[in-house]
Every structure is written in C-alpha cells, then in structure tokens.
Amino acid sequence: MAVTTIQIRDLLNRPRGLIDGTITEYLTVRTNEVNKVARGTEYVSVNTVTDALKDDAVKMLVCVDCLVILIDTYHSYVPENDRGEQDRRFRSQLSAFQERANKALKMISEAEGAGYSESKTTTRLIP
C-alpha cells in the first residue's frame, strides 16, 4: 500500500495552507530515503521490515516535514488572534511526530535490527 496525500492530511487534521504538490514531493523524497535506510531482505530476522513498517516511517517523516512548512508559513493564512493557538498546536504535533518518526526509522534500520544471516555453511549475527 502506498502512502497518499489524503492519509497525510488526515494525520495532520486537515490543516489549511498545505498544498498537495508539497505533500507529493515530500512523499517521493522520504520514500526513497526510507527504502535506502531499511534493512535488506537477505537477512533472516525476528522483526522483518514489511511494507507496512516502511509506510509508517514515510508517513511520520512526511508529517514532520509538513508541520515544519506549516509552522513557517501559517502566519500568511491564519488571522492574528488565532496564531498563538495554532503555533502551540503545530509545535506540539511536531514534537510528537518527530519522536514517532525517529522510532520508526530505528525500527527499520540496520542499527536497530535484530537479525542474522544464514548460508549453507555459516550463520552470523548482524549487529
């Protein structure tokens, strides 16, 4: 299942001022990044990297990117009296999504992987 712009908008509670083209570009960039970081399939692992785990990592990373964009640009489309509330909400969302993104990347990366490689003659642990 591929990550869509609608899923990102739903995760962010459909904020104003977020353009689909921006989300699409971040999806492309972050999907490539996650595919590069993910553990390879040549390893036998207790927690194999599935497409769902990769999609979750992409979603969290794209949400972080979109929230940074919203924080930087919300002053242009939010009335003056609502800025403080919006700023606090976006910043709290940003910290939560950043924590989740870091956890998701660690889960799919080689560094946090608990796996081993097998061949006909050898078996070795993957650090």
Protein backbone atom coordinates (compact mmCIF):
# COMPACT_ATOMS: atom_id res chain seq x y z
CA MET A 1 0.00 0.00 0.00
CA ALA A 2 1.42 3.37 -0.95
CA VAL A 3 1.11 6.45 1.23
CA THR A 4 -1.27 9.07 -0.16
CA THR A 5 -1.69 12.79 0.35
CA ILE A 6 -5.13 12.16 1.86
CA GLN A 7 -3.59 9.99 4.59
CA ILE A 8 -1.10 12.74 5.44
CA ARG A 9 -3.86 15.35 5.57
CA ASP A 10 -5.92 13.10 7.86
CA LEU A 11 -2.97 12.58 10.20
CA LEU A 12 -2.47 16.33 10.43
CA ASN A 13 -6.21 17.04 10.95
CA ARG A 14 -6.62 18.62 7.51
CA PRO A 15 -4.73 21.89 8.06
CA ARG A 16 -5.31 24.92 5.88
CA GLY A 17 -2.50 26.11 3.65
CA LEU A 18 -0.94 22.73 2.89
CA ILE A 19 -0.68 22.14 -0.86
CA ASP A 20 -0.95 18.65 -2.40
CA GLY A 21 2.16 19.27 -4.51
CA THR A 22 4.22 19.84 -1.37
CA ILE A 23 2.99 16.61 0.19
CA THR A 24 3.63 14.67 -3.03
CA GLU A 25 7.22 15.93 -3.26
CA TYR A 26 7.93 15.06 0.36
CA LEU A 27 6.40 11.61 -0.18
CA THR A 28 8.80 10.99 -3.07
CA VAL A 29 11.84 12.17 -1.14
CA ARG A 30 11.01 10.33 2.08
CA THR A 31 10.04 7.09 0.32
CA ASN A 32 13.46 6.98 -1.33
CA GLU A 33 15.13 7.74 2.00
CA VAL A 34 13.23 5.02 3.85
CA ASN A 35 13.96 2.44 1.15
CA LYS A 36 17.65 3.28 1.38
CA VAL A 37 17.74 3.01 5.19
CA ALA A 38 15.61 -0.15 5.53
CA ARG A 39 17.26 -3.45 6.36
CA GLY A 40 17.79 -5.73 3.42
CA THR A 41 15.68 -8.81 2.81
CA GLU A 42 18.74 -11.07 2.65
CA TYR A 43 18.74 -11.27 6.45
CA VAL A 44 16.62 -13.69 8.43
CA SER A 45 15.17 -11.54 11.16
CA VAL A 46 12.92 -11.67 14.16
CA ASN A 47 11.31 -8.41 13.09
CA THR A 48 11.41 -8.31 9.31
CA VAL A 49 10.89 -4.96 7.61
CA THR A 50 7.50 -5.06 5.96
CA ASP A 51 5.97 -2.60 3.55
CA ALA A 52 3.61 -1.50 6.34
CA LEU A 53 6.57 -0.55 8.56
CA LYS A 54 8.14 1.38 5.69
CA ASP A 55 4.83 3.17 5.02
CA ASP A 56 4.54 4.11 8.69
CA ALA A 57 8.04 5.60 8.64
CA VAL A 58 7.26 7.54 5.46
CA LYS A 59 4.02 8.88 6.97
CA MET A 60 5.73 10.10 10.13
CA LEU A 61 8.61 11.71 8.24
CA VAL A 62 6.31 13.47 5.78
CA CYS A 63 4.12 14.72 8.64
CA VAL A 64 7.22 16.20 10.29
CA ASP A 65 8.18 17.93 7.03
CA CYS A 66 4.66 19.27 6.50
CA LEU A 67 4.43 20.56 10.06
CA VAL A 68 7.71 22.44 9.61
CA ILE A 69 6.25 24.02 6.46
CA LEU A 70 3.03 24.92 8.30
CA ILE A 71 4.91 26.49 11.22
CA ASP A 72 7.00 28.56 8.82
CA THR A 73 4.05 29.74 6.69
CA TYR A 74 0.94 29.75 8.91
CA HIS A 75 1.25 33.47 9.59
CA SER A 76 0.26 34.17 5.98
CA TYR A 77 -3.18 32.49 6.16
CA VAL A 78 -4.18 32.45 9.86
CA PRO A 79 -5.73 35.56 11.46
CA GLU A 80 -3.57 37.38 14.01
CA ASN A 81 -5.71 36.40 17.00
CA ASP A 82 -5.50 32.64 16.19
CA ARG A 83 -1.74 32.49 15.65
CA GLY A 84 -0.74 31.68 19.23
CA GLU A 85 -3.13 28.76 19.48
CA GLN A 86 -2.16 27.39 16.06
CA ASP A 87 1.54 27.78 16.83
CA ARG A 88 1.25 25.79 20.07
CA ARG A 89 -0.80 23.09 18.37
CA PHE A 90 1.60 22.72 15.44
CA ARG A 91 4.66 22.67 17.69
CA SER A 92 3.20 20.01 19.97
CA GLN A 93 2.25 17.93 16.93
CA LEU A 94 5.74 18.42 15.53
CA SER A 95 7.44 17.09 18.65
CA ALA A 96 5.12 14.07 18.79
CA PHE A 97 5.58 13.25 15.10
CA GLN A 98 9.35 13.76 15.35
CA GLU A 99 9.54 11.24 18.18
CA ARG A 100 7.44 8.74 16.23
CA ALA A 101 9.50 9.28 13.07
CA ASN A 102 12.76 8.63 14.91
CA LYS A 103 11.31 5.46 16.45
CA ALA A 104 10.01 4.25 13.06
CA LEU A 105 13.37 4.86 11.36
CA LYS A 106 15.21 2.99 14.11
CA MET A 107 12.81 0.09 13.76
CA ILE A 108 13.52 -0.41 10.06
CA SER A 109 17.22 0.49 10.00
CA GLU A 110 20.19 -1.82 10.19
CA ALA A 111 21.31 -0.36 13.51
CA GLU A 112 18.23 -1.43 15.43
CA GLY A 113 17.73 -4.70 13.59
CA ALA A 114 17.88 -7.97 15.47
CA GLY A 115 18.69 -10.40 12.71
CA TYR A 116 21.17 -12.86 11.41
CA SER A 117 22.38 -14.08 8.06
CA GLU A 118 22.37 -17.74 7.07
CA SER A 119 24.08 -19.63 4.31
CA LYS A 120 24.76 -23.32 3.75
CA THR A 121 27.99 -23.21 5.75
CA THR A 122 27.79 -20.21 8.09
CA THR A 123 25.44 -18.32 10.32
CA ARG A 124 26.31 -14.91 11.71
CA LEU A 125 24.67 -12.22 13.78
CA ILE A 126 24.01 -8.88 12.16
CA PRO A 127 25.00 -6.08 14.59
